[in-house]
C-alpha cells in the first residue's frame, strides 16, 4: 500500500455518562486530543441530540477526528484519521480515554492509501509538479 495515513477506530465502553452528554467538554477534549497528537485544527462542529448524545467532528489539516456518544449506554464511537507521518493518533486516544474515564476500549488501526504491491509512504500534501499531478479521468 502507498500509505497516506492512519485511521484509528475506537470503541470506548463503560464511560462516564455525564461526560458523554456534555457537548462543551467533549469539544474542548477532542480539540485538546488534536493538539496532543501534533495535528492542526481547522474547524470543529458539535451537535447535542435530544434527549441525549453528542456528535462532533474536528477537521484537521491532516484529516479529521470525530466522536459520537450514547450516554444511555456509556458508549462512544471515535475515529482519528490522520495523514502524514508527524501526527500520532495514539496520543489523542490515550488522552481521550482518560477524559471519558472508560472501563474498556477496543482500538483498530487501518492504514489508509492507495493499494499497491509495494509498501511506501506518500507525501501528505505534495507540491505541484509532475510527481504530484493527478492523472485525468479516463
Protein backbone atom coordinates (compact mmCIF):
# COMPACT_ATOMS: atom_id res chain seq x y z
CA UNK A 1 0.00 0.00 0.00
CA UNK A 2 1.12 3.51 -0.76
CA UNK A 3 0.19 4.91 2.64
CA UNK A 4 -1.29 8.35 3.05
CA UNK A 5 -2.34 7.98 6.66
CA UNK A 6 -3.55 6.01 9.64
CA UNK A 7 -7.10 5.57 10.85
CA UNK A 8 -7.85 4.59 14.43
CA UNK A 9 -11.39 3.33 15.00
CA UNK A 10 -12.11 3.15 18.71
CA UNK A 11 -14.99 1.78 20.76
CA UNK A 12 -14.99 3.24 24.31
CA UNK A 13 -17.26 1.43 26.80
CA UNK A 14 -18.17 1.97 30.43
CA UNK A 15 -17.62 5.72 30.02
CA UNK A 16 -18.66 8.50 32.38
CA UNK A 17 -22.23 9.24 31.21
CA UNK A 18 -22.04 12.85 32.36
CA UNK A 19 -19.01 13.45 30.12
CA UNK A 20 -20.70 11.72 27.16
CA UNK A 21 -23.58 14.22 27.31
CA UNK A 22 -21.50 17.38 27.80
CA UNK A 23 -21.12 18.96 24.36
CA UNK A 24 -18.80 21.74 25.52
CA UNK A 25 -16.49 19.38 27.42
CA UNK A 26 -16.35 16.94 24.50
CA UNK A 27 -15.46 19.71 22.04
CA UNK A 28 -12.72 21.02 24.36
CA UNK A 29 -11.43 17.49 24.96
CA UNK A 30 -11.37 16.47 21.30
CA UNK A 31 -9.58 19.72 20.47
CA UNK A 32 -7.00 19.00 23.17
CA UNK A 33 -6.62 15.45 21.81
CA UNK A 34 -5.83 17.01 18.41
CA UNK A 35 -3.14 19.20 19.99
CA UNK A 36 -1.65 16.26 21.88
CA UNK A 37 -1.43 14.27 18.64
CA UNK A 38 0.52 17.03 16.90
CA UNK A 39 -2.23 17.77 14.37
CA UNK A 40 -3.53 21.20 13.32
CA UNK A 41 -7.14 22.25 13.96
CA UNK A 42 -9.03 23.74 11.02
CA UNK A 43 -12.61 23.83 12.37
CA UNK A 44 -14.97 21.95 14.66
CA UNK A 45 -18.70 21.31 14.68
CA UNK A 46 -20.56 19.62 17.55
CA UNK A 47 -24.25 18.84 17.99
CA UNK A 48 -26.21 17.66 21.05
CA UNK A 49 -29.18 15.41 20.36
CA UNK A 50 -32.47 15.45 22.26
CA UNK A 51 -32.81 13.83 24.72
CA UNK A 52 -29.13 12.79 24.82
CA UNK A 53 -25.98 12.07 22.87
CA UNK A 54 -23.44 14.18 21.05
CA UNK A 55 -21.82 14.02 17.63
CA UNK A 56 -18.82 16.12 16.79
CA UNK A 57 -16.02 16.46 14.31
CA UNK A 58 -12.79 18.38 14.40
CA UNK A 59 -11.48 18.88 10.90
CA UNK A 60 -7.70 18.94 10.97
CA UNK A 61 -5.19 19.89 8.29
CA UNK A 62 -4.27 16.19 8.31
CA UNK A 63 -7.89 14.82 8.01
CA UNK A 64 -10.38 14.56 10.93
CA UNK A 65 -11.20 13.45 14.48
CA UNK A 66 -14.82 12.52 15.24
CA UNK A 67 -16.91 11.33 18.17
CA UNK A 68 -20.45 10.01 18.55
CA UNK A 69 -21.80 9.31 22.05
CA UNK A 70 -24.60 7.28 23.57
CA UNK A 71 -24.69 8.31 27.26
CA UNK A 72 -27.51 5.86 27.96
CA UNK A 73 -25.10 3.01 27.14
CA UNK A 74 -21.89 4.60 28.43
CA UNK A 75 -20.53 4.25 24.89
CA UNK A 76 -18.57 6.44 22.47
CA UNK A 77 -17.52 5.69 18.88
CA UNK A 78 -14.41 7.63 17.86
CA UNK A 79 -12.39 7.99 14.65
CA UNK A 80 -8.92 9.51 14.46
CA UNK A 81 -7.94 9.71 10.78
CA UNK A 82 -4.53 11.32 10.29
CA UNK A 83 -2.44 11.79 7.16
CA UNK A 84 1.29 12.21 7.07
CA UNK A 85 3.86 10.78 9.43
CA UNK A 86 4.23 13.54 12.04
CA UNK A 87 0.81 13.10 13.75
CA UNK A 88 0.43 10.43 16.44
CA UNK A 89 -3.25 9.45 16.85
CA UNK A 90 -2.34 7.12 19.74
CA UNK A 91 -1.51 10.19 21.87
CA UNK A 92 -5.01 11.51 21.16
CA UNK A 93 -6.51 8.13 22.09
CA UNK A 94 -4.67 7.96 25.43
CA UNK A 95 -5.81 11.46 26.34
CA UNK A 96 -9.45 10.94 25.34
CA UNK A 97 -9.66 7.59 27.15
CA UNK A 98 -8.68 9.38 30.37
CA UNK A 99 -11.26 12.15 29.83
CA UNK A 100 -14.05 9.66 29.13
CA UNK A 101 -12.98 7.61 32.16
CA UNK A 102 -13.82 4.45 30.22
CA UNK A 103 -13.72 0.93 31.65
CA UNK A 104 -12.53 -0.56 28.38
CA UNK A 105 -11.78 0.27 24.79
CA UNK A 106 -11.16 -1.56 21.55
CA UNK A 107 -8.77 0.05 19.08
CA UNK A 108 -8.45 -0.94 15.43
CA UNK A 109 -5.83 0.69 13.25
CA UNK A 110 -6.06 0.79 9.48
CA UNK A 111 -3.52 2.04 7.01
CA UNK A 112 -5.20 4.35 4.50
CA UNK A 113 -3.95 4.91 0.99
CA UNK A 114 -3.61 3.55 -2.49
CA UNK A 115 -3.49 -0.24 -2.88
CA UNK A 116 -0.10 -1.31 -4.18
CA UNK A 117 2.24 -4.28 -4.23
CA UNK A 118 4.93 -2.12 -2.62
CA UNK A 119 4.65 -0.62 0.88
CA UNK A 120 5.63 3.04 0.97
CA UNK A 121 4.52 6.38 2.35
CA UNK A 122 3.22 9.10 0.06
CA UNK A 123 3.81 12.73 0.88
CA UNK A 124 0.69 14.13 2.58
CA UNK A 125 0.40 17.41 0.67
CA UNK A 126 2.87 17.30 -2.21
CA UNK A 127 3.78 20.47 -4.02
CA UNK A 128 2.57 20.88 -7.58
CA UNK A 129 4.70 19.22 -10.18
CA UNK A 130 4.87 16.10 -12.33
CA UNK A 131 5.14 13.72 -9.36
CA UNK A 132 2.14 15.34 -7.63
CA UNK A 133 -0.09 15.51 -10.67
CA UNK A 134 -3.31 13.53 -10.59
CA UNK A 135 -3.98 11.73 -13.88
CA UNK A 136 -7.08 12.90 -15.77
CA UNK A 137 -10.16 10.66 -15.66
CA UNK A 138 -10.31 8.11 -18.46
